[in-house]
């Protein structure tokens, strides 16, 4: 068996098309243009590239893009004042503060200063609690994108046995909550899980989000299982820097039924779902129907 490759790049393009359609209708029918504000503190090279990509894709789907680039030594008070201004700006429907922040800034304090309704990253403690109790919330982008791909591949996920490897607040925990919401039986595994290989081997769905390059070999994968590889790890191979996931793709694709590659799998879905979340936030703030196919 050779696994079906789940093309995240192509799927993300379909999500952006849906977003663009919703944006066009919001403009035409209600005179509203969704707006996304991205705040970057400092000059981290990876963050700068990511912010540029977000801004470009925001404009391409017809939304307003507001970029705020602050010096690395910006005070916490000044950053919180900017967020407060954005919270009260009706033209801004989504706010994202690019992480990581410089060490003198309290990330939890900053994230929780964003209005929960505009928290398109889904990291605010209120959104975490709402998701955990099965209520309407803003959902973190990477888990949301992973869920969309699973639904697209399987249709219904009801009754499937899912294992999430990794317990981070950004991916592992919200991913488990989303899978529970779709009636999967969910296990959260991690570095201290006893007999991790056997736990993973029982899963119909494996979501690897542990941040260790190629940690999961094909021998851990159940025949025909669906593998969502969230990991993005830069390693040296044959004298070159290459990106690999948390799953050993070469061996896993020989036993899995479907698998996401790295790069080109989950990664492109993250920004696409950020755009989707911004449209969702815009609709909710204006008491309009939520965009079909873009929410959890």
Protein backbone atom coordinates (compact mmCIF):
# COMPACT_ATOMS: atom_id res chain seq x y z
CA UNK A 1 0.00 0.00 0.00
CA UNK A 2 1.17 3.51 -0.81
CA UNK A 3 -0.66 6.27 1.00
CA UNK A 4 -2.74 8.95 -0.66
CA UNK A 5 -0.86 12.24 -0.28
CA UNK A 6 -3.09 14.92 1.27
CA UNK A 7 -2.09 18.06 -0.63
CA UNK A 8 -2.31 20.87 1.91
CA UNK A 9 -1.17 23.48 -0.60
CA UNK A 10 -4.04 22.69 -2.97
CA UNK A 11 -6.57 22.40 -0.14
CA UNK A 12 -5.45 25.75 1.28
CA UNK A 13 -6.06 27.31 -2.13
CA UNK A 14 -9.68 26.08 -2.04
CA UNK A 15 -10.10 27.57 1.45
CA UNK A 16 -8.76 30.93 0.24
CA UNK A 17 -11.21 30.81 -2.69
CA UNK A 18 -14.09 30.25 -0.25
CA UNK A 19 -12.82 33.13 1.93
CA UNK A 20 -12.60 35.43 -1.09
CA UNK A 21 -16.18 34.55 -2.04
CA UNK A 22 -17.46 35.33 1.45
CA UNK A 23 -15.50 38.59 1.52
CA UNK A 24 -17.00 39.64 -1.81
CA UNK A 25 -20.52 38.92 -0.54
CA UNK A 26 -19.91 40.84 2.70
CA UNK A 27 -18.81 43.85 0.66
CA UNK A 28 -21.64 43.64 -1.86
CA UNK A 29 -24.52 42.79 0.46
CA UNK A 30 -23.52 44.55 3.68
CA UNK A 31 -20.84 47.10 2.78
CA UNK A 32 -18.40 45.43 5.19
CA UNK A 33 -14.74 44.61 4.51
CA UNK A 34 -13.13 42.21 7.01
CA UNK A 35 -9.88 43.53 8.46
CA UNK A 36 -6.91 41.66 9.94
CA UNK A 37 -4.31 43.43 12.08
CA UNK A 38 -0.95 41.73 12.59
CA UNK A 39 1.46 43.02 15.22
CA UNK A 40 5.17 42.16 14.92
CA UNK A 41 7.57 43.11 17.72
CA UNK A 42 11.25 42.91 16.83
CA UNK A 43 13.06 41.63 13.77
CA UNK A 44 12.98 37.84 14.00
CA UNK A 45 13.67 36.76 10.36
CA UNK A 46 11.22 33.84 10.33
CA UNK A 47 8.49 36.01 11.84
CA UNK A 48 9.11 38.74 9.27
CA UNK A 49 8.69 36.27 6.39
CA UNK A 50 5.53 34.86 7.97
CA UNK A 51 4.00 38.31 8.53
CA UNK A 52 4.72 39.33 4.93
CA UNK A 53 3.01 36.18 3.69
CA UNK A 54 -0.01 36.80 5.91
CA UNK A 55 -0.33 40.39 4.68
CA UNK A 56 -0.03 39.34 1.02
CA UNK A 57 -2.67 36.61 1.30
CA UNK A 58 -5.00 38.88 3.30
CA UNK A 59 -5.03 41.44 0.48
CA UNK A 60 -5.36 38.75 -2.20
CA UNK A 61 -8.70 37.54 -0.75
CA UNK A 62 -10.02 41.12 -0.65
CA UNK A 63 -9.63 41.87 3.06
CA UNK A 64 -7.98 44.87 4.67
CA UNK A 65 -4.52 44.21 6.05
CA UNK A 66 -3.15 46.32 8.91
CA UNK A 67 0.49 45.70 9.83
CA UNK A 68 2.07 47.15 12.96
CA UNK A 69 5.84 46.65 13.21
CA UNK A 70 7.33 47.64 16.56
CA UNK A 71 10.92 47.86 17.76
CA UNK A 72 12.30 44.93 19.76
CA UNK A 73 12.62 47.15 22.85
CA UNK A 74 8.98 48.28 22.75
CA UNK A 75 7.61 48.46 26.28
CA UNK A 76 4.82 46.21 27.48
CA UNK A 77 2.69 49.28 28.20
CA UNK A 78 3.06 50.54 24.61
CA UNK A 79 2.21 47.13 23.15
CA UNK A 80 -0.87 46.79 25.36
CA UNK A 81 -1.94 50.31 24.39
CA UNK A 82 -1.77 49.36 20.69
CA UNK A 83 -3.81 46.21 21.30
CA UNK A 84 -6.41 48.24 23.21
CA UNK A 85 -6.64 50.63 20.25
CA UNK A 86 -7.14 47.70 17.84
CA UNK A 87 -9.74 46.14 20.17
CA UNK A 88 -11.78 49.34 19.83
CA UNK A 89 -11.30 49.77 16.07
CA UNK A 90 -14.45 48.65 14.24
CA UNK A 91 -12.53 48.19 10.98
CA UNK A 92 -10.38 45.51 12.62
CA UNK A 93 -12.12 42.15 13.02
CA UNK A 94 -9.08 39.99 13.73
CA UNK A 95 -5.94 40.69 15.76
CA UNK A 96 -2.82 38.54 15.72
CA UNK A 97 0.32 39.22 17.74
CA UNK A 98 3.18 37.32 16.11
CA UNK A 99 4.98 34.96 18.47
CA UNK A 100 7.55 34.59 19.89
CA UNK A 101 7.76 37.98 21.60
CA UNK A 102 10.97 39.48 22.99
CA UNK A 103 11.73 38.03 26.42
CA UNK A 104 10.87 41.20 28.36
CA UNK A 105 7.23 40.89 27.27
CA UNK A 106 4.73 38.59 28.99
CA UNK A 107 3.18 36.53 26.19
CA UNK A 108 0.21 35.34 28.27
CA UNK A 109 -0.59 38.88 29.37
CA UNK A 110 -0.34 40.19 25.81
CA UNK A 111 -2.47 37.41 24.24
CA UNK A 112 -5.14 37.72 26.92
CA UNK A 113 -5.35 41.49 26.35
CA UNK A 114 -6.78 40.83 22.86
CA UNK A 115 -10.56 40.91 22.71
CA UNK A 116 -11.63 37.21 22.59
CA UNK A 117 -13.94 37.98 19.65
CA UNK A 118 -10.95 39.29 17.65
CA UNK A 119 -8.50 36.60 18.78
CA UNK A 120 -8.13 34.88 15.41
CA UNK A 121 -5.23 32.77 16.72
CA UNK A 122 -7.61 31.21 19.25
CA UNK A 123 -5.07 31.51 22.09
CA UNK A 124 -7.04 33.72 24.51
CA UNK A 125 -7.91 31.87 27.71
CA UNK A 126 -11.62 32.53 27.09
CA UNK A 127 -11.44 30.84 23.68
CA UNK A 128 -9.49 27.96 25.18
CA UNK A 129 -12.23 27.46 27.77
CA UNK A 130 -15.05 27.77 25.24
CA UNK A 131 -13.45 25.21 22.94
CA UNK A 132 -12.81 22.87 25.86
CA UNK A 133 -16.47 22.96 26.86
CA UNK A 134 -17.79 22.53 23.33
CA UNK A 135 -19.03 26.08 22.92
CA UNK A 136 -18.61 28.51 20.03
CA UNK A 137 -15.09 29.92 20.05
CA UNK A 138 -12.26 31.13 17.88
CA UNK A 139 -10.26 27.99 17.05
CA UNK A 140 -6.45 27.84 16.69
CA UNK A 141 -5.55 27.82 13.00
CA UNK A 142 -3.30 24.75 12.74
CA UNK A 143 -5.72 22.35 14.48
CA UNK A 144 -8.62 23.84 12.49
CA UNK A 145 -6.77 23.24 9.23
CA UNK A 146 -5.94 19.68 10.28
CA UNK A 147 -9.59 19.02 11.11
CA UNK A 148 -10.71 20.41 7.75
CA UNK A 149 -8.36 18.05 5.91
CA UNK A 150 -9.54 15.06 7.95
CA UNK A 151 -13.19 15.89 7.27
CA UNK A 152 -12.46 16.33 3.57
CA UNK A 153 -10.74 12.94 3.37
CA UNK A 154 -13.08 10.89 5.55
CA UNK A 155 -16.39 12.72 5.58
CA UNK A 156 -17.57 11.69 9.04
CA UNK A 157 -14.97 11.08 11.76
CA UNK A 158 -17.55 9.65 14.18
CA UNK A 159 -16.34 6.62 16.12
CA UNK A 160 -12.77 6.73 14.82
CA UNK A 161 -9.87 6.12 17.19
CA UNK A 162 -7.54 9.16 17.14
CA UNK A 163 -4.16 9.65 18.78
CA UNK A 164 -2.65 13.12 19.13
CA UNK A 165 1.09 13.00 19.87
CA UNK A 166 1.92 16.22 21.69
CA UNK A 167 0.13 18.18 24.40
CA UNK A 168 0.91 21.80 23.55
CA UNK A 169 -1.66 24.52 24.12
CA UNK A 170 -1.26 25.63 20.50
CA UNK A 171 -1.83 22.31 18.71
CA UNK A 172 -2.11 19.15 20.80
CA UNK A 173 -4.80 20.10 23.29
CA UNK A 174 -7.10 22.04 20.90
CA UNK A 175 -6.68 19.28 18.27
CA UNK A 176 -7.92 16.73 20.79
CA UNK A 177 -10.92 18.93 21.63
CA UNK A 178 -11.84 19.30 17.96
CA UNK A 179 -11.61 15.55 17.38
CA UNK A 180 -13.80 14.95 20.43
CA UNK A 181 -16.27 17.42 18.98
CA UNK A 182 -16.44 15.25 15.85
CA UNK A 183 -17.12 12.17 18.03
CA UNK A 184 -13.70 10.53 17.80
CA UNK A 185 -12.30 8.48 20.67
CA UNK A 186 -9.21 10.51 21.52
CA UNK A 187 -5.92 9.75 23.25
CA UNK A 188 -3.37 12.49 23.92
CA UNK A 189 0.08 10.89 23.92
CA UNK A 190 3.40 12.53 24.78
CA UNK A 191 7.01 11.90 25.72
CA UNK A 192 6.07 10.08 28.93
CA UNK A 193 3.41 7.83 27.43
CA UNK A 194 4.23 4.21 28.19
CA UNK A 195 4.64 2.02 25.10
CA UNK A 196 3.98 4.95 22.78
CA UNK A 197 4.42 2.78 19.70
CA UNK A 198 1.59 0.47 20.72
CA UNK A 199 -0.70 3.41 21.58
CA UNK A 200 -0.12 4.94 18.15
CA UNK A 201 -0.53 1.58 16.40
CA UNK A 202 -4.18 1.37 17.53
CA UNK A 203 -5.15 4.69 15.92
CA UNK A 204 -7.25 5.24 12.81
CA UNK A 205 -6.06 8.87 12.87
CA UNK A 206 -2.60 9.98 14.00
CA UNK A 207 -1.85 13.68 14.50
CA UNK A 208 1.86 14.18 15.18
CA UNK A 209 2.64 17.51 16.84
CA UNK A 210 5.58 16.84 19.11
CA UNK A 211 8.36 18.89 17.48
CA UNK A 212 10.90 16.06 17.11
CA UNK A 213 12.13 15.28 13.59
CA UNK A 214 10.93 11.96 12.17
CA UNK A 215 10.14 10.59 15.61
CA UNK A 216 7.25 8.43 14.40
CA UNK A 217 8.38 5.57 12.13
CA UNK A 218 6.16 3.69 9.73
CA UNK A 219 6.24 0.69 12.05
CA UNK A 220 4.10 2.62 14.54
CA UNK A 221 1.35 3.28 12.00
CA UNK A 222 -1.70 1.04 11.67
CA UNK A 223 -2.34 -0.21 8.14
CA UNK A 224 -4.61 2.27 6.36
CA UNK A 225 -4.48 4.95 9.09
CA UNK A 226 -4.61 8.65 8.25
CA UNK A 227 -1.53 10.60 9.35
CA UNK A 228 -1.56 14.37 9.86
CA UNK A 229 2.02 15.56 10.38
CA UNK A 230 2.08 18.99 12.03
CA UNK A 231 5.84 19.03 12.65
CA UNK A 232 8.14 21.38 10.77
CA UNK A 233 11.77 20.61 11.63
CA UNK A 234 14.87 21.87 9.85
CA UNK A 235 17.67 19.28 9.75
CA UNK A 236 20.86 18.70 7.78
CA UNK A 237 20.78 15.79 5.34
CA UNK A 238 23.36 14.98 2.68
CA UNK A 239 25.00 18.33 3.34
CA UNK A 240 21.78 20.28 2.80
CA UNK A 241 19.23 21.89 5.11
CA UNK A 242 15.87 20.20 4.61
CA UNK A 243 12.44 20.40 6.24
CA UNK A 244 11.01 17.21 7.71
CA UNK A 245 8.00 16.44 9.85
CA UNK A 246 7.56 14.56 13.11
CA UNK A 247 6.77 11.42 11.08
CA UNK A 248 9.26 9.44 9.00
CA UNK A 249 7.45 10.09 5.73
CA UNK A 250 9.30 7.50 3.65
CA UNK A 251 8.34 4.56 5.85
CA UNK A 252 4.93 5.85 6.96
CA UNK A 253 3.60 6.35 3.44
CA UNK A 254 4.08 2.63 2.78
CA UNK A 255 1.52 1.65 5.44
CA UNK A 256 -0.75 4.66 5.94
CA UNK A 257 -3.94 5.12 3.97
CA UNK A 258 -3.35 8.87 3.67
CA UNK A 259 -0.64 11.23 4.89
CA UNK A 260 0.29 14.91 4.79
CA UNK A 261 3.78 15.72 3.47
CA UNK A 262 6.25 18.18 4.98
CA UNK A 263 6.49 20.72 3.49
CA UNK A 264 3.20 21.19 1.65
CA UNK A 265 0.82 19.59 4.13
CA UNK A 266 -0.51 21.28 7.25
CA UNK A 267 1.69 24.37 6.89
CA UNK A 268 -0.21 26.12 4.06
CA UNK A 269 -3.48 25.52 5.91
CA UNK A 270 -2.44 27.65 8.87
CA UNK A 271 -2.58 31.01 7.08
CA UNK A 272 -5.66 29.92 5.10
CA UNK A 273 -7.45 29.22 8.38
CA UNK A 274 -6.28 32.55 9.80
CA UNK A 275 -8.10 34.23 6.91
CA UNK A 276 -11.12 32.00 7.50
CA UNK A 277 -11.14 32.92 11.21
CA UNK A 278 -11.05 36.62 10.33
CA UNK A 279 -14.13 36.27 8.14
CA UNK A 280 -15.85 34.25 10.89
CA UNK A 281 -15.01 36.95 13.46
CA UNK A 282 -16.34 39.63 11.10
CA UNK A 283 -19.64 37.79 10.59
CA UNK A 284 -20.09 37.17 14.31
CA UNK A 285 -19.39 40.80 15.23
CA UNK A 286 -22.05 41.93 12.75
CA UNK A 287 -24.64 39.27 13.75
CA UNK A 288 -24.45 37.63 10.32
CA UNK A 289 -24.56 33.93 9.46
CA UNK A 290 -21.18 32.24 9.85
CA UNK A 291 -19.37 31.33 6.62
CA UNK A 292 -20.19 27.76 5.65
CA UNK A 293 -17.24 25.37 5.51
CA UNK A 294 -14.78 27.67 7.27
CA UNK A 295 -15.45 26.94 10.94
CA UNK A 296 -15.18 23.97 13.27
